[in-house]
Amino acid sequence: TPRADHDPRHAPISLRRELLASGMSDANIRHEMRAGRLTRVRHGAYVATPSWDALDGDGRHEVTTRAVLRQARTDVVVSHTSALPLYAAPTWGIGLDEVHVTRRDGRAGRHEAGTVQHCGAIRDGDVRMLHGVPVMSPTRVALEVTTRAPRTPALVVVNDLLHRGLTTTEELEARYAEGIERWSHTLATDIVLRLANPACESVAESRAWAFFFEQHLPRPESQYLVACPGGEVVARLHFARGPAPAPPARARCSS
């Protein structure tokens, strides 16, 4: 989705080495921070304070992720839960205290300074450019999130990406079959895919869908249409159980 140039998520990120090269000193940088003109988003990376203040938690995570990309010493792709703000996907129940990226060189990743580097085979179609940032595809992100988030928050993400048409059940199943079983922490992936419901339109509906499963309740029909006797649709229910089928006619005994 295009974003306006003034979107604070696109605020220019200034690295310490760039500020020093421009003639500033560390003392100047500290002065700009105290004056409220610069905010440090992570060690050695700064943005204009008004832009930072205009962001919510997801937006700040996206800016921090962009800073990680600028400071990375190897080629990496935004992945796992850090890709969610880029896709405007829900982050309910998901921690954004660390930035997740995946190395393109296949080497073992590192976990340091609020950044988690993952290693893993990147297949054709796994990466796309979004808002100028290399990010895993919605299909791969949906699967990755099932390995990092609790089951219900992961289901919320998967349902959202499915409902908005950013991926499909067939694409998820195909990518899952290509080798995700060799990833770590995939115990919940299969059950999340089995529960996935593209008809869920919100976080609340996906949470309810998970609740029905956890409480062993009969699976309802999503977006159930209610019609009057004349056939005109008068309401749409998020969830409902359809009318029970009529009992079979009792056979008559012949004399």
Protein backbone atom coordinates (compact mmCIF):
# COMPACT_ATOMS: atom_id res chain seq x y z
CA THR A 1 0.00 0.00 0.00
CA PRO A 2 1.51 3.38 -0.95
CA ARG A 3 2.34 5.68 1.92
CA ALA A 4 2.54 9.46 1.94
CA ASP A 5 6.02 10.97 1.94
CA HIS A 6 5.35 12.57 5.32
CA ASP A 7 4.58 9.20 6.94
CA PRO A 8 6.66 9.20 10.15
CA ARG A 9 7.46 5.52 9.55
CA HIS A 10 9.62 6.77 6.68
CA ALA A 11 11.50 9.26 8.83
CA PRO A 12 15.15 9.48 7.75
CA ILE A 13 17.44 7.47 10.00
CA SER A 14 20.79 9.07 10.79
CA LEU A 15 23.61 6.82 11.87
CA ARG A 16 26.24 8.04 14.29
CA ARG A 17 29.00 7.68 11.72
CA GLU A 18 27.03 9.84 9.30
CA LEU A 19 26.44 12.55 11.90
CA LEU A 20 30.13 12.55 12.81
CA ALA A 21 31.08 12.75 9.13
CA SER A 22 28.79 15.77 8.75
CA GLY A 23 30.81 17.64 11.36
CA MET A 24 28.85 16.86 14.52
CA SER A 25 30.52 15.45 17.61
CA ASP A 26 29.16 13.03 20.18
CA ALA A 27 28.62 16.04 22.43
CA ASN A 28 26.54 17.69 19.68
CA ILE A 29 24.44 14.54 19.33
CA ARG A 30 23.81 14.44 23.06
CA HIS A 31 22.85 18.12 22.99
CA GLU A 32 20.35 17.51 20.17
CA MET A 33 18.83 14.67 22.18
CA ARG A 34 18.53 16.77 25.32
CA ALA A 35 16.97 19.56 23.28
CA GLY A 36 14.31 17.15 22.03
CA ARG A 37 15.32 17.29 18.38
CA LEU A 38 16.83 13.81 18.05
CA THR A 39 15.76 10.46 19.48
CA ARG A 40 18.00 7.40 19.61
CA VAL A 41 16.03 4.41 18.31
CA ARG A 42 18.87 1.98 18.95
CA HIS A 43 22.60 2.24 19.59
CA GLY A 44 24.11 4.46 16.91
CA ALA A 45 20.86 5.28 15.08
CA TYR A 46 18.73 8.41 15.44
CA VAL A 47 15.56 9.97 14.02
CA ALA A 48 13.89 13.34 14.41
CA THR A 49 11.98 13.39 17.70
CA PRO A 50 8.70 14.78 16.24
CA SER A 51 8.54 11.83 13.84
CA TRP A 52 9.24 9.34 16.63
CA ASP A 53 6.64 10.89 18.90
CA ALA A 54 4.00 10.58 16.16
CA LEU A 55 4.40 6.79 15.97
CA ASP A 56 2.56 4.04 17.82
CA GLY A 57 4.26 0.87 19.01
CA ASP A 58 4.06 -0.88 15.63
CA GLY A 59 5.38 2.18 13.84
CA ARG A 60 8.30 2.53 16.22
CA HIS A 61 9.16 -1.11 15.71
CA GLU A 62 9.17 -0.57 11.95
CA VAL A 63 11.55 2.39 12.26
CA THR A 64 13.79 0.38 14.58
CA THR A 65 13.74 -2.45 12.03
CA ARG A 66 14.81 -0.02 9.31
CA ALA A 67 17.68 1.08 11.53
CA VAL A 68 18.74 -2.55 11.98
CA LEU A 69 18.81 -2.99 8.19
CA ARG A 70 20.94 0.13 7.76
CA GLN A 71 23.43 -1.07 10.36
CA ALA A 72 23.53 -4.73 9.29
CA ARG A 73 26.94 -5.96 8.21
CA THR A 74 25.46 -8.68 6.03
CA ASP A 75 22.50 -8.91 3.68
CA VAL A 76 19.35 -9.59 5.70
CA VAL A 77 15.59 -9.68 5.15
CA VAL A 78 12.92 -8.52 7.59
CA SER A 79 11.15 -11.63 8.83
CA HIS A 80 9.00 -13.25 11.50
CA THR A 81 7.09 -10.86 13.77
CA SER A 82 9.07 -7.81 12.61
CA ALA A 83 7.41 -8.09 9.19
CA LEU A 84 3.92 -7.60 10.65
CA PRO A 85 4.00 -3.77 10.92
CA LEU A 86 5.17 -3.57 7.30
CA TYR A 87 2.09 -5.53 6.23
CA ALA A 88 -0.17 -3.61 8.66
CA ALA A 89 -0.96 -6.99 10.22
CA PRO A 90 -2.24 -7.24 13.81
CA THR A 91 0.34 -7.64 16.55
CA TRP A 92 -2.11 -8.45 19.35
CA GLY A 93 -0.41 -10.68 21.93
CA ILE A 94 2.94 -10.52 20.12
CA GLY A 95 6.02 -8.92 21.66
CA LEU A 96 7.94 -6.44 19.52
CA ASP A 97 10.87 -5.96 21.87
CA GLU A 98 13.31 -7.56 19.41
CA VAL A 99 13.85 -7.10 15.68
CA HIS A 100 13.83 -10.32 13.65
CA VAL A 101 15.73 -10.62 10.39
CA THR A 102 16.91 -13.57 8.31
CA ARG A 103 20.37 -13.75 6.76
CA ARG A 104 20.56 -14.33 3.02
CA ASP A 105 23.95 -16.05 3.23
CA GLY A 106 22.57 -19.06 5.14
CA ARG A 107 25.10 -18.70 7.93
CA ALA A 108 24.20 -19.09 11.57
CA GLY A 109 22.56 -15.99 12.96
CA ARG A 110 23.27 -14.05 16.10
CA HIS A 111 21.17 -12.72 18.96
CA GLU A 112 22.44 -9.42 20.27
CA ALA A 113 21.52 -5.80 20.92
CA GLY A 114 17.79 -6.36 20.54
CA THR A 115 18.20 -8.10 17.19
CA VAL A 116 17.66 -11.76 16.34
CA GLN A 117 19.32 -12.99 13.16
CA HIS A 118 17.78 -16.18 11.80
CA CYS A 119 19.34 -18.52 9.29
CA GLY A 120 17.30 -20.63 6.94
CA ALA A 121 16.88 -21.54 3.31
CA ILE A 122 15.25 -18.72 1.36
CA ARG A 123 13.36 -20.05 -1.63
CA ASP A 124 12.21 -18.31 -4.80
CA GLY A 125 9.22 -16.15 -4.00
CA ASP A 126 10.04 -15.85 -0.30
CA VAL A 127 11.27 -12.25 -0.48
CA ARG A 128 9.69 -9.09 -1.81
CA MET A 129 10.33 -5.36 -1.57
CA LEU A 130 7.73 -3.50 0.50
CA HIS A 131 7.96 0.23 1.19
CA GLY A 132 11.59 0.06 0.10
CA VAL A 133 12.46 -2.73 2.52
CA PRO A 134 13.31 -6.38 1.75
CA VAL A 135 10.75 -8.45 3.63
CA MET A 136 9.57 -12.03 3.62
CA SER A 137 6.40 -12.73 1.65
CA PRO A 138 3.07 -12.82 3.50
CA THR A 139 2.96 -16.60 3.04
CA ARG A 140 6.32 -17.14 4.67
CA VAL A 141 5.64 -14.54 7.38
CA ALA A 142 2.41 -16.30 8.32
CA LEU A 143 4.30 -19.56 8.78
CA GLU A 144 7.19 -17.90 10.61
CA VAL A 145 4.87 -16.26 13.10
CA THR A 146 3.47 -19.66 14.09
CA THR A 147 6.98 -20.55 15.25
CA ARG A 148 7.45 -17.45 17.41
CA ALA A 149 4.05 -16.44 18.79
CA PRO A 150 1.52 -18.24 21.01
CA ARG A 151 -1.13 -20.17 19.12
CA THR A 152 -3.99 -17.68 19.32
CA PRO A 153 -1.97 -14.57 18.35
CA ALA A 154 -0.46 -16.59 15.50
CA LEU A 155 -3.95 -17.57 14.34
CA VAL A 156 -4.97 -13.89 14.45
CA VAL A 157 -2.12 -13.07 12.07
CA VAL A 158 -2.76 -15.97 9.71
CA ASN A 159 -6.49 -15.19 9.49
CA ASP A 160 -5.78 -11.52 8.83
CA LEU A 161 -3.36 -12.24 5.98
CA LEU A 162 -5.83 -14.74 4.52
CA HIS A 163 -8.83 -12.42 4.86
CA ARG A 164 -7.03 -9.57 3.10
CA GLY A 165 -5.95 -11.83 0.26
CA LEU A 166 -2.23 -11.44 0.96
CA THR A 167 -1.90 -15.22 0.95
CA THR A 168 -4.14 -18.23 0.45
CA THR A 169 -4.70 -21.52 2.21
CA GLU A 170 -3.21 -23.30 -0.82
CA GLU A 171 -0.08 -21.14 -0.75
CA LEU A 172 0.39 -21.73 2.96
CA GLU A 173 0.03 -25.48 2.60
CA ALA A 174 2.38 -25.58 -0.38
CA ARG A 175 5.11 -23.55 1.36
CA TYR A 176 4.64 -25.59 4.53
CA ALA A 177 5.19 -28.78 2.55
CA GLU A 178 8.43 -27.41 1.05
CA GLY A 179 10.38 -27.73 4.26
CA ILE A 180 9.10 -25.68 7.18
CA GLU A 181 9.00 -28.87 9.22
CA ARG A 182 12.79 -28.49 9.48
CA TRP A 183 12.46 -25.07 11.12
CA SER A 184 12.63 -24.79 14.89
CA HIS A 185 9.57 -24.30 17.12
CA THR A 186 7.04 -25.57 14.58
CA LEU A 187 4.90 -27.70 16.89
CA ALA A 188 1.98 -25.27 16.70
CA THR A 189 2.20 -24.60 12.96
CA ASP A 190 0.11 -27.56 11.84
CA ILE A 191 -2.75 -26.87 14.22
CA VAL A 192 -2.81 -23.14 13.36
CA LEU A 193 -3.07 -23.99 9.66
CA ARG A 194 -5.90 -26.43 10.39
CA LEU A 195 -7.75 -23.75 12.35
CA ALA A 196 -7.15 -20.94 9.84
CA ASN A 197 -10.37 -19.25 8.73
CA PRO A 198 -10.23 -16.51 6.06
CA ALA A 199 -13.77 -15.45 6.96
CA CYS A 200 -12.62 -13.97 10.28
CA GLU A 201 -12.60 -10.23 9.77
CA SER A 202 -11.00 -8.96 12.99
CA VAL A 203 -8.78 -9.78 15.92
CA ALA A 204 -11.86 -10.39 18.08
CA GLU A 205 -13.35 -12.86 15.61
CA SER A 206 -10.10 -14.81 15.34
CA ARG A 207 -9.83 -14.93 19.13
CA ALA A 208 -13.39 -16.22 19.34
CA TRP A 209 -12.61 -18.83 16.68
CA ALA A 210 -9.67 -20.05 18.78
CA PHE A 211 -11.88 -20.06 21.89
CA PHE A 212 -14.42 -22.34 20.23
CA PHE A 213 -11.65 -24.83 19.50
CA GLU A 214 -10.06 -24.63 22.94
CA GLN A 215 -13.40 -25.17 24.68
CA HIS A 216 -14.33 -28.09 22.40
CA LEU A 217 -17.40 -26.26 21.15
CA PRO A 218 -19.02 -27.16 17.83
CA ARG A 219 -17.45 -25.21 14.99
CA PRO A 220 -19.93 -22.52 13.92
CA GLU A 221 -20.46 -21.03 10.48
CA SER A 222 -18.72 -17.69 9.93
CA GLN A 223 -20.54 -14.66 8.51
CA TYR A 224 -23.90 -16.41 8.72
CA LEU A 225 -26.62 -14.74 6.64
CA VAL A 226 -30.08 -14.37 8.15
CA ALA A 227 -32.91 -14.10 5.63
CA CYS A 228 -36.60 -13.37 6.05
CA PRO A 229 -39.18 -15.83 4.71
CA GLY A 230 -39.20 -13.96 1.41
CA GLY A 231 -35.50 -14.58 0.94
CA GLU A 232 -34.25 -11.05 1.63
CA VAL A 233 -31.05 -11.00 3.72
CA VAL A 234 -31.71 -8.92 6.82
CA ALA A 235 -28.61 -9.60 8.94
CA ARG A 236 -25.17 -11.12 8.94
CA LEU A 237 -23.89 -12.79 12.10
CA HIS A 238 -20.19 -13.21 12.79
CA PHE A 239 -20.84 -16.76 14.00
CA ALA A 240 -23.91 -18.95 14.14
CA ARG A 241 -25.01 -22.51 14.00
CA GLY A 242 -27.21 -23.22 11.02
CA PRO A 243 -30.68 -24.65 11.46
CA ALA A 244 -30.72 -28.32 12.37
CA PRO A 245 -31.70 -30.59 9.52
CA ALA A 246 -35.26 -31.83 9.61
CA PRO A 247 -35.59 -35.28 11.14
CA PRO A 248 -36.21 -38.05 8.65
CA ALA A 249 -39.83 -38.95 8.06
CA ARG A 250 -40.92 -41.91 10.16
CA ALA A 251 -41.66 -44.93 8.07
CA ARG A 252 -45.21 -46.14 8.28
CA CYS A 253 -45.83 -49.77 9.04
CA SER A 254 -47.98 -51.54 6.51
CA SER A 255 -50.73 -53.70 7.93
